[in-house]
Amino acid sequence: MRAVLQRVKEASVEIDGREVGAIAGGLLVLLGIKQGDTEKDCDYLIKKILKCRIFDDPDGVMNESLLDQKKSLLLVSQFTLYGDTRKGNRPSYMESAKGEEARPLYEYFIQKVKDQGIPVATGEFGADMDVHLINDGPVTILMDSEKIF
């Protein structure tokens, strides 16, 4: 399972011009789920994401987490995070989980974050979405449950 974290001042998701999710500030998380991922992968990433110290403390040092600052999270499913571009020019998405495998993990992820008291907004699983954000910093972090990076 992979995640791209972007610290944002604000972020929103639209489908056909209709806003389906928005946050005033916190983290935009793009989540990619691959074949064979489990709830254990979700749990690992959730813990890392919620405790990742990428928010400024009162001294202006990135030393606080989403949990510390009680900020919001906007979660957007993104199967293209498993696009393999090593061969040819067209990415292969063979590693990406199919919808019937990925959707339950996506929903599990949402519920587990909410269980930690974090406000969660979402895109729509499997939809073609327009994602708007104002990146704060910019701060962008890559995470992978297999600890590849």
Protein backbone atom coordinates (compact mmCIF):
# COMPACT_ATOMS: atom_id res chain seq x y z
CA MET A 1 0.00 0.00 0.00
CA ARG A 2 1.32 3.41 -0.92
CA ALA A 3 0.46 6.90 0.19
CA VAL A 4 1.43 10.36 -0.95
CA LEU A 5 0.96 12.87 1.86
CA GLN A 6 0.66 16.53 1.03
CA ARG A 7 0.46 19.07 3.81
CA VAL A 8 -2.25 21.47 2.67
CA LYS A 9 -3.76 24.79 3.65
CA GLU A 10 -6.94 23.58 1.95
CA ALA A 11 -7.97 20.79 -0.40
CA SER A 12 -11.10 19.59 -2.11
CA VAL A 13 -12.38 16.97 -4.53
CA GLU A 14 -14.96 17.58 -7.26
CA ILE A 15 -16.81 15.17 -9.50
CA ASP A 16 -18.60 16.67 -12.50
CA GLY A 17 -18.31 20.14 -10.93
CA ARG A 18 -19.85 19.00 -7.61
CA GLU A 19 -17.71 19.15 -4.48
CA VAL A 20 -17.74 15.78 -2.72
CA GLY A 21 -15.07 16.36 -0.06
CA ALA A 22 -13.07 19.26 1.35
CA ILE A 23 -10.82 20.20 4.25
CA ALA A 24 -9.68 23.59 5.50
CA GLY A 25 -6.20 22.35 6.39
CA GLY A 26 -4.28 19.22 7.24
CA LEU A 27 -3.27 16.37 4.96
CA LEU A 28 -4.32 15.33 1.50
CA VAL A 29 -3.55 11.62 1.24
CA LEU A 30 -3.49 9.88 -2.13
CA LEU A 31 -3.83 6.16 -1.39
CA GLY A 32 -2.81 3.34 -3.71
CA ILE A 33 -3.72 -0.24 -2.88
CA LYS A 34 -1.97 -3.16 -4.53
CA GLN A 35 -2.95 -6.77 -4.96
CA GLY A 36 -2.45 -8.70 -1.74
CA ASP A 37 -2.60 -5.70 0.60
CA THR A 38 -4.35 -6.36 3.91
CA GLU A 39 -5.71 -4.50 6.92
CA LYS A 40 -2.21 -4.85 8.40
CA ASP A 41 -0.90 -2.62 5.58
CA CYS A 42 -3.65 -0.08 6.36
CA ASP A 43 -2.85 -0.14 10.06
CA TYR A 44 0.86 0.44 9.40
CA LEU A 45 0.23 3.41 7.09
CA ILE A 46 -2.45 4.94 9.31
CA LYS A 47 -0.10 4.90 12.29
CA LYS A 48 2.74 6.43 10.25
CA ILE A 49 0.51 9.07 8.62
CA LEU A 50 -1.20 10.22 11.82
CA LYS A 51 2.09 10.45 13.73
CA CYS A 52 4.25 11.89 10.94
CA ARG A 53 5.75 15.10 12.35
CA ILE A 54 5.39 17.46 9.41
CA PHE A 55 3.46 20.32 10.99
CA ASP A 56 5.17 23.31 12.57
CA ASP A 57 5.36 23.60 16.34
CA PRO A 58 5.16 27.05 17.99
CA ASP A 59 8.86 27.57 17.17
CA GLY A 60 8.30 26.97 13.46
CA VAL A 61 9.96 23.54 13.46
CA MET A 62 8.26 20.58 11.77
CA ASN A 63 7.80 18.68 15.01
CA GLU A 64 4.05 18.04 15.31
CA SER A 65 1.70 15.52 13.76
CA LEU A 66 -1.84 15.53 12.44
CA LEU A 67 -2.88 14.04 15.79
CA ASP A 68 -1.03 16.76 17.73
CA GLN A 69 -2.72 19.54 15.79
CA LYS A 70 -6.15 17.89 15.41
CA LYS A 71 -6.22 18.72 11.72
CA SER A 72 -8.28 17.05 8.98
CA LEU A 73 -7.45 14.45 6.37
CA LEU A 74 -8.75 14.27 2.81
CA LEU A 75 -8.39 10.73 1.43
CA VAL A 76 -8.39 10.09 -2.31
CA SER A 77 -8.02 6.60 -3.80
CA GLN A 78 -5.42 6.52 -6.57
CA PHE A 79 -4.61 3.22 -8.26
CA THR A 80 -2.03 4.95 -10.46
CA LEU A 81 0.43 5.04 -7.53
CA TYR A 82 1.28 1.51 -8.64
CA GLY A 83 1.94 2.53 -12.23
CA ASP A 84 5.09 0.75 -13.38
CA THR A 85 7.03 2.76 -15.96
CA ARG A 86 10.18 0.65 -16.12
CA LYS A 87 9.23 -0.90 -19.46
CA GLY A 88 8.08 1.18 -22.40
CA ASN A 89 6.24 4.48 -22.19
CA ARG A 90 2.79 3.37 -21.08
CA PRO A 91 2.51 2.66 -17.35
CA SER A 92 1.39 -0.81 -16.36
CA TYR A 93 -1.09 -1.04 -13.49
CA MET A 94 -0.83 -4.82 -13.05
CA GLU A 95 0.12 -4.50 -9.37
CA SER A 96 -2.88 -2.31 -8.51
CA ALA A 97 -5.67 -4.09 -6.69
CA LYS A 98 -8.96 -4.45 -8.53
CA GLY A 99 -11.91 -2.49 -7.13
CA GLU A 100 -13.50 -5.44 -5.33
CA GLU A 101 -10.26 -6.02 -3.40
CA ALA A 102 -9.31 -2.36 -2.89
CA ARG A 103 -12.66 -0.82 -1.88
CA PRO A 104 -13.00 -2.68 1.46
CA LEU A 105 -9.45 -1.64 2.42
CA TYR A 106 -10.15 1.97 1.41
CA GLU A 107 -13.28 1.95 3.58
CA TYR A 108 -11.40 0.27 6.44
CA PHE A 109 -8.75 2.99 6.19
CA ILE A 110 -11.37 5.75 6.43
CA GLN A 111 -13.05 4.21 9.48
CA LYS A 112 -9.78 3.59 11.32
CA VAL A 113 -8.70 7.22 10.84
CA LYS A 114 -12.11 8.44 12.04
CA ASP A 115 -11.76 6.15 15.08
CA GLN A 116 -8.68 8.20 16.03
CA GLY A 117 -10.82 11.35 16.20
CA ILE A 118 -9.52 12.83 12.95
CA PRO A 119 -12.09 14.51 10.68
CA VAL A 120 -12.00 12.70 7.33
CA ALA A 121 -13.28 13.88 3.97
CA THR A 122 -13.02 11.68 0.89
CA GLY A 123 -13.21 11.54 -2.82
CA GLU A 124 -15.36 8.86 -4.43
CA PHE A 125 -13.76 5.46 -4.87
CA GLY A 126 -13.19 4.67 -8.54
CA ALA A 127 -14.50 8.00 -9.82
CA ASP A 128 -12.77 10.44 -12.16
CA MET A 129 -12.07 13.34 -9.80
CA ASP A 130 -10.70 16.85 -9.89
CA VAL A 131 -8.46 17.39 -6.86
CA HIS A 132 -7.75 20.96 -5.81
CA LEU A 133 -5.16 21.87 -3.21
CA ILE A 134 -2.99 24.57 -1.84
CA ASN A 135 0.15 22.74 -0.82
CA ASP A 136 1.56 24.12 2.43
CA GLY A 137 5.32 24.40 2.26
CA PRO A 138 5.29 22.56 -0.09
CA VAL A 139 5.59 19.43 2.03
CA THR A 140 5.09 16.12 0.23
CA ILE A 141 5.99 12.75 1.77
CA LEU A 142 5.94 9.27 0.20
CA MET A 143 5.06 6.21 2.30
CA ASP A 144 4.86 2.52 1.48
CA SER A 145 3.73 -0.31 3.77
CA GLU A 146 6.54 -2.47 2.37
CA LYS A 147 8.97 0.26 3.47
CA ILE A 148 10.33 0.70 -0.06
CA PHE A 149 10.75 4.43 0.58
